Amino acid sequence: MDSTAKKLNKKFTYTDYQSWPDDERWEIINGQAYAMTPAPSVRHQKNVGRLYVKLENSLSGNPCVPLIAPTDVVLDEVNVVQPDILVVCDQSKITEANIQGAPDMVIEVISPSTTLKDRREKKALYERFGVLEYILVYPEDGIIERVYLEDRKFSGPDLLNWDETLHLHIFPELDISLMDIFEKKADTRAD
């Protein structure tokens, strides 16, 4: 099934979601169910892994906890998502089963089949629920798109190329070299 496939003709809830087979991955956005298949590409997963490791190492000893998919984020009864990477600073939101409420930061590594959903539906959802920083990673292009919450609205976006450094808005002490994330090297030859 294509990752943009939806279960149609009904508004779904978290209760419905919990009854679906464990071997299927779905998200519910505003009551609409979206399939999360096929599996992401190797490049996608490498970007997710590198970003997660950077956050895990950098936030060690910090109350903020980075997590990786598949982790259910239950925003409310009709909005359940599984971001590629999320950071939660409010420990009361973390349960054994899932995250209850908006993470502080969400990172989505874009797959061609999820681009529109991640840029439109999920961006609006994260803004509405108060995610402080939302980062979209485009592995094929070597580009990062980032927005952050200002006065309950997302700013920007800021666009960064693979040879730049991402300065996180919610963690100003944390810089991420995008060359490391995208596994690229700058051309050092003289012109």
C-alpha atoms as a PDB file:
ATOM      1  CA  MET A   1       0.000   0.000   0.000  1.00  0.00           C
ATOM      2  CA  ASP A   2       1.335   3.482  -0.872  1.00  0.00           C
ATOM      3  CA  SER A   3       2.284   5.625   2.142  1.00  0.00           C
ATOM      4  CA  THR A   4      -0.248   8.233   1.092  1.00  0.00           C
ATOM      5  CA  ALA A   5      -3.035   5.645   1.290  1.00  0.00           C
ATOM      6  CA  LYS A   6      -5.839   6.438   3.674  1.00  0.00           C
ATOM      7  CA  LYS A   7      -8.551   4.462   5.349  1.00  0.00           C
ATOM      8  CA  LEU A   8     -11.593   6.279   4.034  1.00  0.00           C
ATOM      9  CA  ASN A   9     -15.219   6.982   4.888  1.00  0.00           C
ATOM     10  CA  LYS A  10     -14.767   7.390   8.615  1.00  0.00           C
ATOM     11  CA  LYS A  11     -13.109   9.575  11.228  1.00  0.00           C
ATOM     12  CA  PHE A  12     -10.733   7.440  13.253  1.00  0.00           C
ATOM     13  CA  THR A  13      -9.662   7.771  16.875  1.00  0.00           C
ATOM     14  CA  TYR A  14      -6.808   6.598  19.032  1.00  0.00           C
ATOM     15  CA  THR A  15      -9.109   3.831  20.285  1.00  0.00           C
ATOM     16  CA  ASP A  16      -9.514   2.581  16.678  1.00  0.00           C
ATOM     17  CA  TYR A  17      -5.766   2.874  16.138  1.00  0.00           C
ATOM     18  CA  GLN A  18      -4.998   0.649  19.128  1.00  0.00           C
ATOM     19  CA  SER A  19      -7.053  -2.182  17.585  1.00  0.00           C
ATOM     20  CA  TRP A  20      -5.182  -2.217  14.258  1.00  0.00           C
ATOM     21  CA  PRO A  21      -2.585  -4.958  13.528  1.00  0.00           C
ATOM     22  CA  ASP A  22       0.853  -4.409  15.089  1.00  0.00           C
ATOM     23  CA  ASP A  23       2.611  -5.152  11.800  1.00  0.00           C
ATOM     24  CA  GLU A  24       0.986  -2.127  10.126  1.00  0.00           C
ATOM     25  CA  ARG A  25       2.112   1.457  10.782  1.00  0.00           C
ATOM     26  CA  TRP A  26      -0.481   4.208  10.618  1.00  0.00           C
ATOM     27  CA  GLU A  27      -0.864   7.823  11.683  1.00  0.00           C
ATOM     28  CA  ILE A  28      -4.114   9.651  12.362  1.00  0.00           C
ATOM     29  CA  ILE A  29      -4.284  13.337  11.495  1.00  0.00           C
ATOM     30  CA  ASN A  30      -7.563  15.109  12.192  1.00  0.00           C
ATOM     31  CA  GLY A  31      -9.314  11.740  12.227  1.00  0.00           C
ATOM     32  CA  GLN A  32      -7.908  10.645   8.831  1.00  0.00           C
ATOM     33  CA  ALA A  33      -5.746   7.507   8.862  1.00  0.00           C
ATOM     34  CA  TYR A  34      -2.545   7.520   6.769  1.00  0.00           C
ATOM     35  CA  ALA A  35      -0.553   4.368   6.039  1.00  0.00           C
ATOM     36  CA  MET A  36       3.180   4.568   6.692  1.00  0.00           C
ATOM     37  CA  THR A  37       4.370   2.019   4.174  1.00  0.00           C
ATOM     38  CA  PRO A  38       6.525   1.110   2.327  1.00  0.00           C
ATOM     39  CA  ALA A  39       9.581   1.152   4.578  1.00  0.00           C
ATOM     40  CA  PRO A  40      11.837   4.200   4.243  1.00  0.00           C
ATOM     41  CA  SER A  41      14.990   4.143   2.099  1.00  0.00           C
ATOM     42  CA  VAL A  42      18.436   3.349   3.475  1.00  0.00           C
ATOM     43  CA  ARG A  43      19.489   6.997   2.982  1.00  0.00           C
ATOM     44  CA  HIS A  44      16.431   8.098   4.974  1.00  0.00           C
ATOM     45  CA  GLN A  45      17.289   5.750   7.821  1.00  0.00           C
ATOM     46  CA  LYS A  46      20.957   6.805   7.841  1.00  0.00           C
ATOM     47  CA  ASN A  47      19.913  10.461   8.176  1.00  0.00           C
ATOM     48  CA  VAL A  48      17.519   9.562  10.989  1.00  0.00           C
ATOM     49  CA  GLY A  49      20.223   7.565  12.767  1.00  0.00           C
ATOM     50  CA  ARG A  50      22.887  10.279  12.512  1.00  0.00           C
ATOM     51  CA  LEU A  51      20.545  12.998  13.751  1.00  0.00           C
ATOM     52  CA  TYR A  52      19.298  10.855  16.612  1.00  0.00           C
ATOM     53  CA  VAL A  53      22.833   9.952  17.751  1.00  0.00           C
ATOM     54  CA  LYS A  54      23.858  13.629  17.660  1.00  0.00           C
ATOM     55  CA  LEU A  55      20.853  14.599  19.792  1.00  0.00           C
ATOM     56  CA  GLU A  56      21.266  11.641  22.163  1.00  0.00           C
ATOM     57  CA  ASN A  57      24.944  12.469  22.769  1.00  0.00           C
ATOM     58  CA  SER A  58      24.405  16.227  23.031  1.00  0.00           C
ATOM     59  CA  LEU A  59      21.413  16.052  25.379  1.00  0.00           C
ATOM     60  CA  SER A  60      22.946  13.502  27.753  1.00  0.00           C
ATOM     61  CA  GLY A  61      22.332  14.687  31.309  1.00  0.00           C
ATOM     62  CA  ASN A  62      19.651  17.112  30.086  1.00  0.00           C
ATOM     63  CA  PRO A  63      16.006  16.549  31.142  1.00  0.00           C
ATOM     64  CA  CYS A  64      15.071  16.576  27.428  1.00  0.00           C
ATOM     65  CA  VAL A  65      14.765  13.074  25.961  1.00  0.00           C
ATOM     66  CA  PRO A  66      15.289  12.299  22.260  1.00  0.00           C
ATOM     67  CA  LEU A  67      13.240   9.402  20.874  1.00  0.00           C
ATOM     68  CA  ILE A  68      13.108   7.683  17.502  1.00  0.00           C
ATOM     69  CA  ALA A  69      10.292   6.124  15.449  1.00  0.00           C
ATOM     70  CA  PRO A  70       8.205   4.171  15.896  1.00  0.00           C
ATOM     71  CA  THR A  71       7.077   6.031  19.006  1.00  0.00           C
ATOM     72  CA  ASP A  72       3.422   7.021  19.190  1.00  0.00           C
ATOM     73  CA  VAL A  73       2.754  10.669  19.950  1.00  0.00           C
ATOM     74  CA  VAL A  74      -0.847  11.045  21.086  1.00  0.00           C
ATOM     75  CA  LEU A  75      -1.766  14.689  20.647  1.00  0.00           C
ATOM     76  CA  ASP A  76      -5.458  14.030  21.241  1.00  0.00           C
ATOM     77  CA  GLU A  77      -8.035  11.347  20.433  1.00  0.00           C
ATOM     78  CA  VAL A  78      -8.004  12.057  16.660  1.00  0.00           C
ATOM     79  CA  ASN A  79      -4.301  12.940  16.191  1.00  0.00           C
ATOM     80  CA  VAL A  80      -1.668  10.243  16.639  1.00  0.00           C
ATOM     81  CA  VAL A  81       1.660  10.497  14.808  1.00  0.00           C
ATOM     82  CA  GLN A  82       5.021   8.742  14.690  1.00  0.00           C
ATOM     83  CA  PRO A  83       7.698  11.351  13.910  1.00  0.00           C
ATOM     84  CA  ASP A  84      11.099  10.090  12.764  1.00  0.00           C
ATOM     85  CA  ILE A  85      12.745  11.864  15.718  1.00  0.00           C
ATOM     86  CA  LEU A  86      11.239  13.784  18.602  1.00  0.00           C
ATOM     87  CA  VAL A  87      12.543  15.482  21.717  1.00  0.00           C
ATOM     88  CA  VAL A  88      10.400  15.724  24.859  1.00  0.00           C
ATOM     89  CA  CYS A  89      11.497  17.956  27.741  1.00  0.00           C
ATOM     90  CA  ASP A  90       8.410  17.565  29.957  1.00  0.00           C
ATOM     91  CA  GLN A  91       8.908  14.185  31.624  1.00  0.00           C
ATOM     92  CA  SER A  92       5.211  13.973  32.560  1.00  0.00           C
ATOM     93  CA  LYS A  93       4.377  13.481  28.852  1.00  0.00           C
ATOM     94  CA  ILE A  94       6.447  10.291  28.644  1.00  0.00           C
ATOM     95  CA  THR A  95       4.583   7.067  29.443  1.00  0.00           C
ATOM     96  CA  GLU A  96       5.616   3.458  28.895  1.00  0.00           C
ATOM     97  CA  ALA A  97       3.225   3.200  25.934  1.00  0.00           C
ATOM     98  CA  ASN A  98       3.601   6.574  24.199  1.00  0.00           C
ATOM     99  CA  ILE A  99       4.077  10.313  24.420  1.00  0.00           C
ATOM    100  CA  GLN A 100       1.011  12.190  25.670  1.00  0.00           C
ATOM    101  CA  GLY A 101       1.058  15.675  24.179  1.00  0.00           C
ATOM    102  CA  ALA A 102       3.268  17.736  21.908  1.00  0.00           C
ATOM    103  CA  PRO A 103       7.014  17.106  21.824  1.00  0.00           C
ATOM    104  CA  ASP A 104       9.285  20.143  22.073  1.00  0.00           C
ATOM    105  CA  MET A 105      10.986  19.310  18.784  1.00  0.00           C
ATOM    106  CA  VAL A 106      10.061  17.080  15.842  1.00  0.00           C
ATOM    107  CA  ILE A 107      12.293  16.035  12.957  1.00  0.00           C
ATOM    108  CA  GLU A 108      10.808  14.401   9.870  1.00  0.00           C
ATOM    109  CA  VAL A 109      13.147  12.952   7.253  1.00  0.00           C
ATOM    110  CA  ILE A 110      11.213  13.327   4.033  1.00  0.00           C
ATOM    111  CA  SER A 111      10.411  10.421   1.747  1.00  0.00           C
ATOM    112  CA  PRO A 112       9.078  11.273  -1.729  1.00  0.00           C
ATOM    113  CA  SER A 113       5.729   9.683  -0.890  1.00  0.00           C
ATOM    114  CA  THR A 114       5.285  11.684   2.370  1.00  0.00           C
ATOM    115  CA  THR A 115       6.484  15.139   1.314  1.00  0.00           C
ATOM    116  CA  LEU A 116       3.067  16.761   1.027  1.00  0.00           C
ATOM    117  CA  LYS A 117       1.726  15.246   4.257  1.00  0.00           C
ATOM    118  CA  ASP A 118       4.849  16.262   6.207  1.00  0.00           C
ATOM    119  CA  ARG A 119       4.924  19.797   4.772  1.00  0.00           C
ATOM    120  CA  ARG A 120       1.210  20.490   4.972  1.00  0.00           C
ATOM    121  CA  GLU A 121      -0.869  18.324   7.333  1.00  0.00           C
ATOM    122  CA  LYS A 122       1.832  17.572   9.883  1.00  0.00           C
ATOM    123  CA  LYS A 123       3.242  21.106   9.871  1.00  0.00           C
ATOM    124  CA  ALA A 124      -0.235  22.537  10.595  1.00  0.00           C
ATOM    125  CA  LEU A 125      -0.810  19.877  13.251  1.00  0.00           C
ATOM    126  CA  TYR A 126       2.504  20.531  15.019  1.00  0.00           C
ATOM    127  CA  GLU A 127       1.915  24.277  14.940  1.00  0.00           C
ATOM    128  CA  ARG A 128      -1.589  23.890  16.378  1.00  0.00           C
ATOM    129  CA  PHE A 129      -0.386  21.652  19.218  1.00  0.00           C
ATOM    130  CA  GLY A 130       2.599  23.841  20.117  1.00  0.00           C
ATOM    131  CA  VAL A 131       5.680  21.937  18.892  1.00  0.00           C
ATOM    132  CA  LEU A 132       8.442  24.498  19.459  1.00  0.00           C
ATOM    133  CA  GLU A 133      10.698  23.504  16.556  1.00  0.00           C
ATOM    134  CA  TYR A 134       9.919  21.458  13.438  1.00  0.00           C
ATOM    135  CA  ILE A 135      12.685  20.323  11.106  1.00  0.00           C
ATOM    136  CA  LEU A 136      12.236  18.716   7.699  1.00  0.00           C
ATOM    137  CA  VAL A 137      15.215  16.871   6.237  1.00  0.00           C
ATOM    138  CA  TYR A 138      15.410  16.287   2.479  1.00  0.00           C
ATOM    139  CA  PRO A 139      17.970  13.458   2.064  1.00  0.00           C
ATOM    140  CA  GLU A 140      17.925  13.469  -1.727  1.00  0.00           C
ATOM    141  CA  ASP A 141      18.604  17.203  -1.949  1.00  0.00           C
ATOM    142  CA  GLY A 142      20.872  17.666   1.072  1.00  0.00           C
ATOM    143  CA  ILE A 143      18.628  20.405   2.430  1.00  0.00           C
ATOM    144  CA  ILE A 144      17.077  21.171   5.817  1.00  0.00           C
ATOM    145  CA  GLU A 145      13.912  23.235   6.280  1.00  0.00           C
ATOM    146  CA  ARG A 146      13.243  24.484   9.797  1.00  0.00           C
ATOM    147  CA  VAL A 147      10.451  26.446  11.460  1.00  0.00           C
ATOM    148  CA  TYR A 148       9.988  27.359  15.088  1.00  0.00           C
ATOM    149  CA  LEU A 149       7.098  28.643  17.135  1.00  0.00           C
ATOM    150  CA  GLU A 150       6.800  32.405  17.691  1.00  0.00           C
ATOM    151  CA  ASP A 151       3.592  33.775  19.162  1.00  0.00           C
ATOM    152  CA  ARG A 152       1.884  30.405  18.535  1.00  0.00           C
ATOM    153  CA  LYS A 153       2.712  30.492  14.797  1.00  0.00           C
ATOM    154  CA  PHE A 154       5.576  28.871  12.917  1.00  0.00           C
ATOM    155  CA  SER A 155       8.247  31.254  11.647  1.00  0.00           C
ATOM    156  CA  GLY A 156      10.142  31.116   8.415  1.00  0.00           C
ATOM    157  CA  PRO A 157      11.092  28.695   7.080  1.00  0.00           C
ATOM    158  CA  ASP A 158      14.868  28.725   7.416  1.00  0.00           C
ATOM    159  CA  LEU A 159      16.510  26.739   4.597  1.00  0.00           C
ATOM    160  CA  LEU A 160      19.969  25.234   5.046  1.00  0.00           C
ATOM    161  CA  ASN A 161      22.236  23.479   2.572  1.00  0.00           C
ATOM    162  CA  TRP A 162      24.269  20.333   3.323  1.00  0.00           C
ATOM    163  CA  ASP A 163      27.474  22.377   3.828  1.00  0.00           C
ATOM    164  CA  GLU A 164      25.996  24.606   6.555  1.00  0.00           C
ATOM    165  CA  THR A 165      25.474  24.226  10.284  1.00  0.00           C
ATOM    166  CA  LEU A 166      22.044  23.848  11.867  1.00  0.00           C
ATOM    167  CA  HIS A 167      21.762  26.036  14.987  1.00  0.00           C
ATOM    168  CA  LEU A 168      18.833  24.632  16.921  1.00  0.00           C
ATOM    169  CA  HIS A 169      16.404  27.259  18.138  1.00  0.00           C
ATOM    170  CA  ILE A 170      15.310  25.441  21.301  1.00  0.00           C
ATOM    171  CA  PHE A 171      18.854  24.259  22.120  1.00  0.00           C
ATOM    172  CA  PRO A 172      21.045  27.270  21.212  1.00  0.00           C
ATOM    173  CA  GLU A 173      24.153  25.549  22.562  1.00  0.00           C
ATOM    174  CA  LEU A 174      23.707  22.678  20.101  1.00  0.00           C
ATOM    175  CA  ASP A 175      25.005  23.014  16.533  1.00  0.00           C
ATOM    176  CA  ILE A 176      24.749  20.206  13.983  1.00  0.00           C
ATOM    177  CA  SER A 177      27.098  20.036  11.014  1.00  0.00           C
ATOM    178  CA  LEU A 178      24.913  19.045   8.090  1.00  0.00           C
ATOM    179  CA  MET A 179      27.933  17.651   6.194  1.00  0.00           C
ATOM    180  CA  ASP A 180      28.059  14.954   8.875  1.00  0.00           C
ATOM    181  CA  ILE A 181      24.333  14.242   8.601  1.00  0.00           C
ATOM    182  CA  PHE A 182      24.293  14.060   4.800  1.00  0.00           C
ATOM    183  CA  GLU A 183      27.726  12.325   4.600  1.00  0.00           C
ATOM    184  CA  LYS A 184      29.153  14.909   2.230  1.00  0.00           C
ATOM    185  CA  LYS A 185      32.516  16.607   2.042  1.00  0.00           C
ATOM    186  CA  ALA A 186      33.223  20.179   0.966  1.00  0.00           C
ATOM    187  CA  ASP A 187      35.279  20.587  -2.205  1.00  0.00           C
ATOM    188  CA  THR A 188      38.601  21.986  -0.987  1.00  0.00           C
ATOM    189  CA  ARG A 189      40.201  22.369  -4.426  1.00  0.00           C
ATOM    190  CA  ALA A 190      41.310  25.872  -5.398  1.00  0.00           C
ATOM    191  CA  ASP A 191      39.542  27.386  -8.388  1.00  0.00           C
END
